[in-house]
Amino acid sequence: MAELTTLIYLKKNDSYLMLHRVSKKHDINKDKWLGIGGHFEAYESPSECIIREVKEETGYTVNKPDFRGIVTFVAFDNREDYEKKQNGICEYVHVFLSEDFSGDEETCGTNFPCDEGKLKWVKIKDIYDLPIWEGDKLFLKALEEDREFFNLKLIYVGNELVEHEWF
């Protein structure tokens, strides 16, 4: 069964607020840098979900989330499962961007006690040098280029991106 998730890149000047996932022991994203986001709760729309997740993880209030695309993230533990298309996970990630958010800098963002990891403003050009998912580089580029709404499928075996397709 597929999971529904959201992901947002909060943009200030030429930086995104990034989350370094170092807190959870059993985390598919362990030690990776990501935008902010999480799983839908019952009856939430994508916009409601991302507004809630940003508040919970950063303390900021997103005033206007800009829905930019959907990424189908598929992951298999090993090559055999990938070839047989079995035992994988699938997430439909609703990707947002926003420069319209508010909150007290003394208590929000990098000063917020996030239980998911450490928050840091990172220059957009420097994000590609961080440990991020290879596929994230593809849709981050689409955000940078201000492309129209995008639909991207990413397939991983372990941490290796083995397929991607734009639709």
N, C-alpha and C. Protein backbone atom coordinates (compact mmCIF):
# COMPACT_ATOMS: atom_id res chain seq x y z
N MET A 1 0.84 -1.19 0.00
CA MET A 1 0.00 0.00 0.00
C MET A 1 0.88 1.25 0.00
N ALA A 2 0.53 2.19 -0.80
CA ALA A 2 1.30 3.43 -0.90
C ALA A 2 0.98 4.37 0.25
N GLU A 3 1.97 5.17 0.62
CA GLU A 3 1.79 6.17 1.66
C GLU A 3 1.73 7.55 1.02
N LEU A 4 1.00 8.45 1.66
CA LEU A 4 0.89 9.83 1.20
C LEU A 4 1.71 10.71 2.13
N THR A 5 2.61 11.49 1.53
CA THR A 5 3.46 12.38 2.32
C THR A 5 3.56 13.75 1.65
N THR A 6 4.11 14.69 2.40
CA THR A 6 4.35 16.03 1.88
C THR A 6 5.80 16.42 2.14
N LEU A 7 6.28 17.36 1.36
CA LEU A 7 7.64 17.87 1.48
C LEU A 7 7.62 19.32 1.03
N ILE A 8 8.24 20.20 1.82
CA ILE A 8 8.27 21.62 1.44
C ILE A 8 9.68 22.16 1.59
N TYR A 9 10.01 23.08 0.73
CA TYR A 9 11.24 23.83 0.83
C TYR A 9 10.86 25.27 1.16
N LEU A 10 11.17 25.66 2.41
CA LEU A 10 10.96 27.05 2.82
C LEU A 10 12.16 27.84 2.33
N LYS A 11 11.88 28.90 1.59
CA LYS A 11 12.96 29.66 0.95
C LYS A 11 13.05 31.05 1.56
N LYS A 12 14.28 31.41 1.93
CA LYS A 12 14.56 32.76 2.44
C LYS A 12 15.85 33.21 1.77
N ASN A 13 15.77 34.35 1.07
CA ASN A 13 16.90 34.83 0.29
C ASN A 13 17.31 33.74 -0.70
N ASP A 14 18.52 33.26 -0.68
CA ASP A 14 18.94 32.21 -1.62
C ASP A 14 19.21 30.90 -0.87
N SER A 15 18.43 30.65 0.20
CA SER A 15 18.62 29.45 1.02
C SER A 15 17.29 28.73 1.25
N TYR A 16 17.40 27.43 1.50
CA TYR A 16 16.26 26.62 1.93
C TYR A 16 16.51 26.18 3.37
N LEU A 17 15.42 26.07 4.14
CA LEU A 17 15.53 25.50 5.47
C LEU A 17 15.58 23.98 5.30
N MET A 18 16.68 23.39 5.70
CA MET A 18 16.89 21.96 5.51
C MET A 18 16.91 21.25 6.86
N LEU A 19 16.49 20.00 6.84
CA LEU A 19 16.45 19.16 8.03
C LEU A 19 17.48 18.04 7.87
N HIS A 20 18.43 17.99 8.78
CA HIS A 20 19.42 16.90 8.79
C HIS A 20 18.86 15.81 9.69
N ARG A 21 18.47 14.69 9.08
CA ARG A 21 17.77 13.62 9.80
C ARG A 21 18.77 12.78 10.59
N VAL A 22 18.99 13.15 11.83
CA VAL A 22 19.97 12.44 12.65
C VAL A 22 19.38 11.90 13.95
N SER A 23 18.09 12.15 14.21
CA SER A 23 17.53 11.81 15.52
C SER A 23 16.98 10.41 15.65
N LYS A 24 16.34 9.90 14.62
CA LYS A 24 15.69 8.58 14.72
C LYS A 24 16.67 7.47 14.36
N LYS A 25 16.61 6.37 15.11
CA LYS A 25 17.52 5.24 14.86
C LYS A 25 17.16 4.47 13.58
N HIS A 26 15.89 4.13 13.42
CA HIS A 26 15.44 3.34 12.27
C HIS A 26 14.68 4.27 11.32
N ASP A 27 15.43 4.89 10.43
CA ASP A 27 14.88 5.93 9.57
C ASP A 27 15.47 5.75 8.17
N ILE A 28 14.63 5.57 7.18
CA ILE A 28 15.10 5.42 5.80
C ILE A 28 15.91 6.65 5.37
N ASN A 29 15.64 7.79 6.01
CA ASN A 29 16.32 9.04 5.68
C ASN A 29 17.49 9.37 6.63
N LYS A 30 17.91 8.40 7.44
CA LYS A 30 18.96 8.64 8.44
C LYS A 30 20.19 9.28 7.80
N ASP A 31 20.64 10.35 8.40
CA ASP A 31 21.83 11.12 8.01
C ASP A 31 21.67 11.90 6.70
N LYS A 32 20.51 11.86 6.07
CA LYS A 32 20.27 12.63 4.85
C LYS A 32 19.74 14.02 5.22
N TRP A 33 19.89 14.95 4.30
CA TRP A 33 19.33 16.29 4.41
C TRP A 33 18.08 16.35 3.54
N LEU A 34 17.00 16.87 4.10
CA LEU A 34 15.70 16.93 3.41
C LEU A 34 15.05 18.28 3.65
N GLY A 35 14.00 18.51 2.88
CA GLY A 35 13.11 19.62 3.20
C GLY A 35 12.27 19.19 4.41
N ILE A 36 11.27 19.97 4.72
CA ILE A 36 10.39 19.71 5.85
C ILE A 36 9.15 18.97 5.35
N GLY A 37 8.62 18.03 6.13
CA GLY A 37 7.40 17.37 5.70
C GLY A 37 7.08 16.16 6.53
N GLY A 38 6.10 15.40 6.05
CA GLY A 38 5.71 14.21 6.78
C GLY A 38 4.47 13.57 6.19
N HIS A 39 3.90 12.64 6.97
CA HIS A 39 2.76 11.85 6.53
C HIS A 39 1.42 12.56 6.76
N PHE A 40 0.49 12.29 5.87
CA PHE A 40 -0.86 12.81 6.00
C PHE A 40 -1.52 12.20 7.24
N GLU A 41 -2.36 12.98 7.88
CA GLU A 41 -3.27 12.46 8.90
C GLU A 41 -4.62 12.28 8.24
N ALA A 42 -5.50 11.55 8.89
CA ALA A 42 -6.82 11.26 8.31
C ALA A 42 -7.53 12.54 7.88
N TYR A 43 -8.04 12.50 6.66
CA TYR A 43 -8.90 13.54 6.08
C TYR A 43 -8.19 14.84 5.75
N GLU A 44 -6.86 14.87 5.80
CA GLU A 44 -6.13 16.08 5.46
C GLU A 44 -5.96 16.22 3.95
N SER A 45 -5.97 17.45 3.48
CA SER A 45 -5.55 17.75 2.11
C SER A 45 -4.03 17.89 2.13
N PRO A 46 -3.40 17.86 0.96
CA PRO A 46 -1.95 18.08 0.93
C PRO A 46 -1.55 19.42 1.59
N SER A 47 -2.29 20.48 1.32
CA SER A 47 -1.95 21.78 1.90
C SER A 47 -2.12 21.78 3.41
N GLU A 48 -3.18 21.18 3.91
CA GLU A 48 -3.37 21.10 5.36
C GLU A 48 -2.24 20.31 6.01
N CYS A 49 -1.84 19.23 5.36
CA CYS A 49 -0.77 18.40 5.89
C CYS A 49 0.54 19.18 5.98
N ILE A 50 0.91 19.89 4.92
CA ILE A 50 2.21 20.56 4.95
C ILE A 50 2.20 21.74 5.91
N ILE A 51 1.09 22.43 6.04
CA ILE A 51 0.99 23.52 7.01
C ILE A 51 1.18 22.98 8.43
N ARG A 52 0.53 21.86 8.75
CA ARG A 52 0.67 21.24 10.07
C ARG A 52 2.10 20.77 10.30
N GLU A 53 2.67 20.06 9.31
CA GLU A 53 4.02 19.53 9.47
C GLU A 53 5.06 20.64 9.69
N VAL A 54 4.95 21.73 8.95
CA VAL A 54 5.89 22.83 9.12
C VAL A 54 5.78 23.41 10.53
N LYS A 55 4.56 23.58 11.01
CA LYS A 55 4.35 24.10 12.37
C LYS A 55 4.97 23.16 13.41
N GLU A 56 4.74 21.85 13.25
CA GLU A 56 5.24 20.86 14.20
C GLU A 56 6.76 20.75 14.18
N GLU A 57 7.38 20.87 13.01
CA GLU A 57 8.82 20.62 12.88
C GLU A 57 9.68 21.87 12.96
N THR A 58 9.09 23.06 12.68
CA THR A 58 9.90 24.29 12.64
C THR A 58 9.36 25.42 13.50
N GLY A 59 8.08 25.35 13.88
CA GLY A 59 7.45 26.46 14.59
C GLY A 59 6.90 27.53 13.67
N TYR A 60 7.31 27.54 12.40
CA TYR A 60 6.81 28.54 11.44
C TYR A 60 5.37 28.24 11.05
N THR A 61 4.68 29.30 10.61
CA THR A 61 3.36 29.19 10.01
C THR A 61 3.51 29.45 8.52
N VAL A 62 3.14 28.48 7.70
CA VAL A 62 3.17 28.68 6.24
C VAL A 62 1.87 29.37 5.85
N ASN A 63 2.01 30.55 5.25
CA ASN A 63 0.84 31.33 4.86
C ASN A 63 0.33 30.94 3.48
N LYS A 64 1.26 30.57 2.60
CA LYS A 64 0.86 30.21 1.24
C LYS A 64 1.80 29.13 0.70
N PRO A 65 1.42 27.85 0.87
CA PRO A 65 2.23 26.78 0.28
C PRO A 65 1.94 26.69 -1.23
N ASP A 66 2.98 26.67 -2.02
CA ASP A 66 2.86 26.58 -3.48
C ASP A 66 3.10 25.13 -3.89
N PHE A 67 2.03 24.44 -4.30
CA PHE A 67 2.10 23.02 -4.68
C PHE A 67 2.78 22.91 -6.03
N ARG A 68 4.00 22.31 -6.06
CA ARG A 68 4.82 22.33 -7.26
C ARG A 68 4.90 21.00 -8.02
N GLY A 69 4.63 19.87 -7.33
CA GLY A 69 4.72 18.61 -8.05
C GLY A 69 4.49 17.40 -7.16
N ILE A 70 4.49 16.25 -7.81
CA ILE A 70 4.34 14.97 -7.12
C ILE A 70 5.52 14.08 -7.51
N VAL A 71 6.13 13.49 -6.49
CA VAL A 71 7.21 12.53 -6.70
C VAL A 71 6.73 11.18 -6.20
N THR A 72 6.77 10.18 -7.08
CA THR A 72 6.48 8.81 -6.67
C THR A 72 7.82 8.19 -6.29
N PHE A 73 7.98 7.91 -4.99
CA PHE A 73 9.22 7.38 -4.44
C PHE A 73 9.02 5.89 -4.17
N VAL A 74 9.77 5.06 -4.90
CA VAL A 74 9.68 3.60 -4.75
C VAL A 74 11.05 3.10 -4.29
N ALA A 75 11.05 2.22 -3.28
CA ALA A 75 12.33 1.72 -2.77
C ALA A 75 12.25 0.23 -2.48
N PHE A 76 13.30 -0.47 -2.90
CA PHE A 76 13.45 -1.91 -2.64
C PHE A 76 14.74 -2.10 -1.86
N ASP A 77 14.76 -3.10 -0.99
CA ASP A 77 15.96 -3.38 -0.19
C ASP A 77 17.08 -4.01 -1.02
N ASN A 78 16.69 -4.79 -2.05
CA ASN A 78 17.72 -5.52 -2.80
C ASN A 78 17.30 -5.68 -4.26
N ARG A 79 18.25 -6.07 -5.08
CA ARG A 79 18.05 -6.20 -6.53
C ARG A 79 17.00 -7.26 -6.86
N GLU A 80 16.97 -8.37 -6.14
CA GLU A 80 15.99 -9.43 -6.41
C GLU A 80 14.56 -8.92 -6.22
N ASP A 81 14.32 -8.21 -5.12
CA ASP A 81 12.98 -7.67 -4.90
C ASP A 81 12.61 -6.65 -5.97
N TYR A 82 13.58 -5.85 -6.40
CA TYR A 82 13.35 -4.88 -7.46
C TYR A 82 12.98 -5.58 -8.76
N GLU A 83 13.73 -6.61 -9.13
CA GLU A 83 13.46 -7.32 -10.38
C GLU A 83 12.11 -8.02 -10.36
N LYS A 84 11.71 -8.53 -9.18
CA LYS A 84 10.42 -9.22 -9.05
C LYS A 84 9.29 -8.25 -8.67
N LYS A 85 9.65 -6.98 -8.46
CA LYS A 85 8.67 -5.96 -8.04
C LYS A 85 7.88 -6.44 -6.82
N GLN A 86 8.62 -6.79 -5.76
CA GLN A 86 7.99 -7.28 -4.53
C GLN A 86 8.67 -6.65 -3.32
N ASN A 87 7.93 -6.58 -2.23
CA ASN A 87 8.45 -6.12 -0.93
C ASN A 87 9.03 -4.72 -0.95
N GLY A 88 8.57 -3.90 -1.86
CA GLY A 88 9.04 -2.52 -1.90
C GLY A 88 8.12 -1.60 -1.11
N ILE A 89 8.55 -0.36 -0.97
CA ILE A 89 7.68 0.66 -0.40
C ILE A 89 7.41 1.70 -1.48
N CYS A 90 6.28 2.39 -1.33
CA CYS A 90 5.92 3.42 -2.29
C CYS A 90 5.32 4.59 -1.52
N GLU A 91 5.82 5.77 -1.82
CA GLU A 91 5.28 7.00 -1.25
C GLU A 91 4.96 7.96 -2.38
N TYR A 92 3.81 8.61 -2.27
CA TYR A 92 3.46 9.70 -3.17
C TYR A 92 3.75 10.99 -2.41
N VAL A 93 4.82 11.66 -2.81
CA VAL A 93 5.31 12.83 -2.10
C VAL A 93 4.79 14.08 -2.80
N HIS A 94 4.01 14.88 -2.09
CA HIS A 94 3.46 16.12 -2.61
C HIS A 94 4.46 17.23 -2.27
N VAL A 95 5.08 17.81 -3.30
CA VAL A 95 6.19 18.74 -3.11
C VAL A 95 5.71 20.19 -3.20
N PHE A 96 6.10 20.97 -2.19
CA PHE A 96 5.72 22.38 -2.09
C PHE A 96 6.96 23.26 -2.00
N LEU A 97 6.75 24.54 -2.28
CA LEU A 97 7.77 25.57 -2.10
C LEU A 97 7.05 26.76 -1.48
N SER A 98 7.71 27.48 -0.57
CA SER A 98 7.08 28.68 -0.02
C SER A 98 8.13 29.67 0.44
N GLU A 99 7.88 30.92 0.09
CA GLU A 99 8.65 32.05 0.63
C GLU A 99 7.75 32.85 1.58
N ASP A 100 6.48 32.42 1.68
CA ASP A 100 5.49 33.13 2.48
C ASP A 100 5.20 32.34 3.75
N PHE A 101 6.01 32.59 4.76
CA PHE A 101 5.84 31.94 6.06
C PHE A 101 6.21 32.96 7.14
N SER A 102 5.76 32.70 8.35
CA SER A 102 6.02 33.66 9.42
C SER A 102 6.31 32.94 10.73
N GLY A 103 6.96 33.67 11.62
CA GLY A 103 7.28 33.14 12.94
C GLY A 103 8.42 33.92 13.55
N ASP A 104 8.53 33.88 14.84
CA ASP A 104 9.57 34.57 15.58
C ASP A 104 10.89 33.83 15.41
N GLU A 105 11.88 34.50 14.85
CA GLU A 105 13.18 33.86 14.60
C GLU A 105 13.86 33.39 15.88
N GLU A 106 13.46 33.93 17.02
CA GLU A 106 14.03 33.51 18.31
C GLU A 106 13.57 32.10 18.70
N THR A 107 12.38 31.71 18.21
CA THR A 107 11.81 30.42 18.62
C THR A 107 11.53 29.47 17.46
N CYS A 108 11.64 29.95 16.23
CA CYS A 108 11.31 29.13 15.06
C CYS A 108 12.56 28.76 14.27
N GLY A 109 12.39 27.89 13.29
CA GLY A 109 13.48 27.53 12.38
C GLY A 109 14.63 26.88 13.12
N THR A 110 15.83 27.41 12.94
CA THR A 110 17.03 26.79 13.51
C THR A 110 17.04 26.81 15.04
N ASN A 111 16.21 27.64 15.65
CA ASN A 111 16.10 27.68 17.11
C ASN A 111 14.97 26.80 17.64
N PHE A 112 14.26 26.13 16.77
CA PHE A 112 13.11 25.31 17.18
C PHE A 112 13.59 23.91 17.58
N PRO A 113 13.07 23.36 18.68
CA PRO A 113 13.48 22.02 19.11
C PRO A 113 12.79 20.92 18.28
N CYS A 114 13.35 20.61 17.13
CA CYS A 114 12.78 19.62 16.22
C CYS A 114 13.23 18.21 16.62
N ASP A 115 12.26 17.31 16.82
CA ASP A 115 12.62 15.94 17.22
C ASP A 115 12.99 15.06 16.04
N GLU A 116 12.94 15.59 14.82
CA GLU A 116 13.30 14.84 13.62
C GLU A 116 14.79 14.93 13.30
N GLY A 117 15.43 16.00 13.78
CA GLY A 117 16.84 16.22 13.48
C GLY A 117 17.20 17.68 13.69
N LYS A 118 18.22 18.14 12.97
CA LYS A 118 18.72 19.50 13.12
C LYS A 118 18.32 20.34 11.91
N LEU A 119 17.82 21.55 12.18
CA LEU A 119 17.40 22.46 11.13
C LEU A 119 18.52 23.46 10.83
N LYS A 120 18.70 23.75 9.54
CA LYS A 120 19.74 24.71 9.15
C LYS A 120 19.35 25.37 7.82
N TRP A 121 19.58 26.68 7.72
CA TRP A 121 19.42 27.37 6.45
C TRP A 121 20.66 27.06 5.61
N VAL A 122 20.42 26.53 4.41
CA VAL A 122 21.52 26.13 3.53
C VAL A 122 21.35 26.84 2.19
N LYS A 123 22.44 27.45 1.72
CA LYS A 123 22.42 28.08 0.39
C LYS A 123 22.00 27.02 -0.63
N ILE A 124 21.11 27.38 -1.53
CA ILE A 124 20.59 26.42 -2.51
C ILE A 124 21.72 25.79 -3.30
N LYS A 125 22.70 26.57 -3.70
CA LYS A 125 23.81 26.03 -4.50
C LYS A 125 24.64 25.01 -3.71
N ASP A 126 24.61 25.07 -2.38
CA ASP A 126 25.41 24.17 -1.55
C ASP A 126 24.68 22.87 -1.18
N ILE A 127 23.38 22.83 -1.40
CA ILE A 127 22.59 21.64 -1.02
C ILE A 127 23.08 20.40 -1.76
N TYR A 128 23.49 20.57 -3.00
CA TYR A 128 23.91 19.43 -3.82
C TYR A 128 25.17 18.75 -3.30
N ASP A 129 25.91 19.43 -2.43
CA ASP A 129 27.12 18.87 -1.83
C ASP A 129 26.83 18.10 -0.53
N LEU A 130 25.61 18.19 -0.05
CA LEU A 130 25.22 17.50 1.19
C LEU A 130 24.80 16.06 0.87
N PRO A 131 24.76 15.19 1.87
CA PRO A 131 24.21 13.84 1.62
C PRO A 131 22.68 13.92 1.49
N ILE A 132 22.24 13.97 0.23
CA ILE A 132 20.80 13.98 -0.08
C ILE A 132 20.52 12.82 -1.02
N TRP A 133 19.27 12.44 -1.12
CA TRP A 133 18.89 11.40 -2.08
C TRP A 133 19.24 11.89 -3.48
N GLU A 134 19.77 11.01 -4.30
CA GLU A 134 20.15 11.36 -5.68
C GLU A 134 18.96 11.93 -6.45
N GLY A 135 17.80 11.34 -6.26
CA GLY A 135 16.59 11.81 -6.94
C GLY A 135 16.16 13.20 -6.51
N ASP A 136 16.47 13.57 -5.26
CA ASP A 136 16.12 14.92 -4.79
C ASP A 136 16.80 15.98 -5.65
N LYS A 137 17.99 15.66 -6.15
CA LYS A 137 18.69 16.62 -7.00
C LYS A 137 17.88 16.94 -8.25
N LEU A 138 17.14 15.96 -8.74
CA LEU A 138 16.33 16.16 -9.94
C LEU A 138 15.20 17.15 -9.70
N PHE A 139 14.42 16.92 -8.61
CA PHE A 139 13.29 17.84 -8.42
C PHE A 139 13.72 19.16 -7.78
N LEU A 140 14.85 19.18 -7.06
CA LEU A 140 15.36 20.46 -6.58
C LEU A 140 15.73 21.36 -7.77
N LYS A 141 16.30 20.74 -8.81
CA LYS A 141 16.64 21.48 -10.03
C LYS A 141 15.36 22.03 -10.69
N ALA A 142 14.30 21.21 -10.69
CA ALA A 142 13.02 21.66 -11.25
C ALA A 142 12.47 22.86 -10.46
N LEU A 143 12.64 22.84 -9.14
CA LEU A 143 12.21 23.98 -8.33
C LEU A 143 13.04 25.21 -8.66
N GLU A 144 14.35 25.04 -8.77
CA GLU A 144 15.26 26.14 -9.10
C GLU A 144 14.91 26.78 -10.44
N GLU A 145 14.57 25.92 -11.40
CA GLU A 145 14.26 26.39 -12.75
C GLU A 145 12.83 26.91 -12.87
N ASP A 146 12.09 26.84 -11.75
CA ASP A 146 10.70 27.31 -11.70
C ASP A 146 9.84 26.63 -12.78
N ARG A 147 10.07 25.32 -12.94
CA ARG A 147 9.28 24.56 -13.91
C ARG A 147 7.81 24.51 -13.51
N GLU A 148 6.98 24.27 -14.50
CA GLU A 148 5.56 24.05 -14.24
C GLU A 148 5.41 22.84 -13.33
N PHE A 149 4.20 22.58 -12.90
CA PHE A 149 3.90 21.43 -12.04
C PHE A 149 4.57 20.18 -12.62
N PHE A 150 5.28 19.42 -11.78
CA PHE A 150 6.01 18.26 -12.27
C PHE A 150 5.51 16.96 -11.65
N ASN A 151 5.79 15.88 -12.36
CA ASN A 151 5.43 14.53 -11.93
C ASN A 151 6.65 13.67 -12.23
N LEU A 152 7.27 13.14 -11.18
CA LEU A 152 8.52 12.41 -11.30
C LEU A 152 8.43 11.10 -10.54
N LYS A 153 8.90 10.03 -11.15
CA LYS A 153 8.96 8.73 -10.47
C LYS A 153 10.42 8.37 -10.25
N LEU A 154 10.74 8.00 -9.00
CA LEU A 154 12.10 7.61 -8.61
C LEU A 154 12.06 6.20 -8.07
N ILE A 155 12.96 5.33 -8.54
CA ILE A 155 13.04 3.96 -8.02
C ILE A 155 14.44 3.72 -7.50
N TYR A 156 14.50 3.27 -6.25
CA TYR A 156 15.76 2.99 -5.57
C TYR A 156 15.88 1.52 -5.22
N VAL A 157 17.11 1.01 -5.26
CA VAL A 157 17.47 -0.26 -4.66
C VAL A 157 18.50 0.10 -3.59
N GLY A 158 18.12 -0.08 -2.33
CA GLY A 158 18.95 0.43 -1.25
C GLY A 158 19.03 1.94 -1.38
N ASN A 159 20.23 2.49 -1.37
CA ASN A 159 20.41 3.93 -1.53
C ASN A 159 20.72 4.35 -2.96
N GLU A 160 20.67 3.39 -3.89
CA GLU A 160 21.03 3.68 -5.29
C GLU A 160 19.79 3.98 -6.13
N LEU A 161 19.79 5.13 -6.79
CA LEU A 161 18.74 5.48 -7.73
C LEU A 161 18.96 4.65 -9.00
N VAL A 162 18.03 3.74 -9.31
CA VAL A 162 18.21 2.86 -10.47
C VAL A 162 17.33 3.25 -11.66
N GLU A 163 16.28 4.01 -11.40
CA GLU A 163 15.40 4.47 -12.48
C GLU A 163 14.78 5.80 -12.07
N HIS A 164 14.55 6.65 -13.08
CA HIS A 164 13.72 7.84 -12.86
C HIS A 164 13.03 8.17 -14.18
N GLU A 165 11.85 8.74 -14.04
CA GLU A 165 11.11 9.11 -15.25
C GLU A 165 10.25 10.34 -14.95
N TRP A 166 10.33 11.31 -15.85
CA TRP A 166 9.47 12.50 -15.79
C TRP A 166 8.20 12.22 -16.58
N PHE A 167 7.11 12.66 -16.10
CA PHE A 167 5.84 12.50 -16.83
C PHE A 167 5.26 13.86 -17.13
